[in-house]
Protein backbone atom coordinates (compact mmCIF):
# COMPACT_ATOMS: atom_id res chain seq x y z
CA MET A 1 58.02 79.41 134.85
CA SER A 2 58.63 80.02 131.15
CA GLU A 3 57.88 83.37 129.60
CA ARG A 4 55.95 83.78 126.37
CA GLY A 5 58.34 83.51 123.45
CA ARG A 6 60.96 81.75 125.57
CA LEU A 7 60.13 78.07 126.10
CA ARG A 8 62.92 75.60 126.80
CA GLY A 9 63.28 72.46 124.72
CA VAL A 10 62.04 73.91 121.42
CA TYR A 11 63.12 76.51 118.93
CA ASN A 12 61.16 79.70 119.58
CA ILE A 13 60.64 81.82 116.47
CA VAL A 14 59.47 85.32 117.39
CA VAL A 15 58.80 88.51 115.45
CA ALA A 16 61.24 91.26 116.47
CA GLY A 17 59.97 93.63 119.11
CA GLU A 18 57.05 91.44 120.17
CA TYR A 19 58.76 89.42 122.93
CA GLU A 20 61.55 89.91 125.38
CA THR A 21 64.82 88.48 124.13
CA VAL A 22 67.72 87.27 126.22
CA GLU A 23 70.79 89.39 126.76
CA TYR A 24 73.08 86.97 124.93
CA GLN A 25 72.44 87.38 121.20
CA ILE A 26 74.42 85.90 118.33
CA PRO A 27 74.17 86.05 114.53
CA VAL A 28 72.75 82.99 112.83
CA GLU A 29 76.14 82.13 111.30
CA GLU A 30 77.72 81.99 114.76
CA PHE A 31 74.82 79.88 116.00
CA ARG A 32 75.52 77.32 113.27
CA ASP A 33 79.21 77.22 114.23
CA ARG A 34 78.46 76.91 117.95
CA LEU A 35 75.86 74.24 117.35
CA GLU A 36 78.34 72.29 115.21
CA SER A 37 80.97 72.47 117.97
CA ASP A 38 78.42 71.59 120.70
CA ASP A 39 78.86 74.99 122.37
CA VAL A 40 75.29 76.36 122.47
CA PRO A 41 74.59 78.67 125.42
CA ASP A 42 71.90 77.80 127.96
CA GLU A 43 69.82 80.78 126.78
CA VAL A 44 70.41 82.54 123.46
CA THR A 45 68.64 84.70 120.94
CA VAL A 46 69.72 84.08 117.34
CA VAL A 47 69.40 87.12 115.08
CA GLY A 48 69.74 87.81 111.37
CA LEU A 49 68.05 84.76 109.86
CA GLU A 50 66.01 86.94 107.49
CA ASP A 51 69.26 88.46 106.17
CA ALA A 52 71.15 85.17 105.86
CA TYR A 53 68.52 83.28 103.88
CA ASP A 54 70.53 81.63 101.15
CA ASP A 55 69.68 78.14 99.90
CA GLU A 56 73.17 76.77 100.55
CA PHE A 57 73.45 78.30 104.04
CA ILE A 58 69.93 77.21 105.04
CA ALA A 59 70.58 73.65 103.83
CA ASP A 60 73.83 73.54 105.83
CA LEU A 61 72.22 75.00 108.97
CA SER A 62 69.31 72.57 108.65
CA ARG A 63 71.71 69.60 108.49
CA VAL A 64 73.60 70.81 111.57
CA MET A 65 70.34 71.41 113.48
CA ASP A 66 69.12 67.93 112.57
CA ARG A 67 72.41 66.29 113.63
CA ARG A 68 72.43 68.10 116.98
CA ALA A 69 68.71 67.73 117.85
CA ASP A 70 69.25 64.84 120.29
CA ASP A 71 72.11 66.67 122.00
CA LEU A 72 69.89 69.71 122.57
CA GLU A 73 66.94 67.62 123.78
CA ASN A 74 69.13 65.73 126.26
CA ALA A 75 71.15 68.70 127.53
CA ASP A 76 70.86 69.55 131.20
CA PRO A 77 69.48 72.13 131.45
CA THR A 78 67.56 72.02 128.19
CA PRO A 79 68.45 75.22 126.32
CA MET A 80 66.12 78.08 125.47
CA ILE A 81 66.87 78.98 121.85
CA GLN A 82 65.02 81.90 120.35
CA PHE A 83 65.19 83.07 116.73
CA GLU A 84 64.21 86.73 116.48
CA ILE A 85 62.92 87.48 112.98
CA ASP A 86 62.85 91.11 111.82
CA ALA A 87 60.04 90.47 109.31
CA ASP A 88 56.46 89.26 109.17
CA ILE A 89 55.65 85.56 109.34
CA HIS A 90 52.62 84.20 107.47
CA ARG A 91 51.25 80.81 106.55
CA GLY A 92 52.29 80.01 103.00
CA ASP A 93 51.24 77.23 100.65
CA VAL A 94 53.26 74.57 102.45
CA ALA A 95 54.07 76.00 105.89
CA PHE A 96 55.06 79.34 107.40
CA ASP A 97 57.13 81.87 105.48
CA ILE A 98 59.14 84.98 106.32
CA PHE A 99 57.91 88.03 104.39
CA THR A 100 60.47 90.81 103.93
CA ASP A 101 60.29 93.87 101.70
CA ASP A 102 62.23 92.02 99.01
CA ALA A 103 61.33 88.34 99.25
CA ILE A 104 59.47 85.43 100.78
CA TYR A 105 61.54 82.77 102.56
CA PRO A 106 60.05 79.37 103.44
CA LEU A 107 60.72 78.46 107.08
CA HIS A 108 60.00 74.75 106.51
CA GLU A 109 63.34 74.46 104.67
CA LEU A 110 65.03 75.12 108.00
CA PHE A 111 62.57 74.07 110.69
CA GLY A 112 60.56 71.36 108.93
CA ARG A 113 56.78 71.19 108.93
CA GLN A 114 56.12 70.79 112.67
CA MET A 115 56.07 74.52 113.32
CA GLN A 116 53.21 75.61 115.57
CA CYS A 117 51.78 79.08 115.96
CA ARG A 118 51.54 79.87 119.68
CA ASN A 119 49.31 82.97 119.57
CA SER A 120 46.54 84.55 117.51
CA GLU A 121 48.77 87.48 116.49
CA LYS A 122 51.11 85.08 114.65
CA THR A 123 54.19 86.53 116.32
CA TRP A 124 55.43 83.45 118.20
CA PHE A 125 56.02 79.98 116.81
CA THR A 126 57.70 76.88 118.20
CA VAL A 127 59.22 73.84 116.59
CA PRO A 128 60.86 70.79 118.23
CA PHE A 129 64.63 70.55 118.20
């Protein structure tokens, strides 16, 4: 049975400290490289997105995620990919945004507009691969 914050077959976006993460954690830059080379672990927590939010990087990561979506959906077993965000997440004008001390980063630029809030505390979101 899946645990809260850790569903297979979708990207899980969780606020840091609110959900259990998996032991294997990688920085978002490494996740992009591993996704590009079709080497994504079965279970992984991706960290550092809030610190790597740069328009060029996010556009590149989004393209790689889009290209590899079918591969992830058809993998056996389907991976559990969790993004742990060390910031607040709120609904913005268009979709959900990351709120840090310094800036607001729109999550739809990376995950599209299908992001769903999975709890009333707004600490767990999912989006299809």
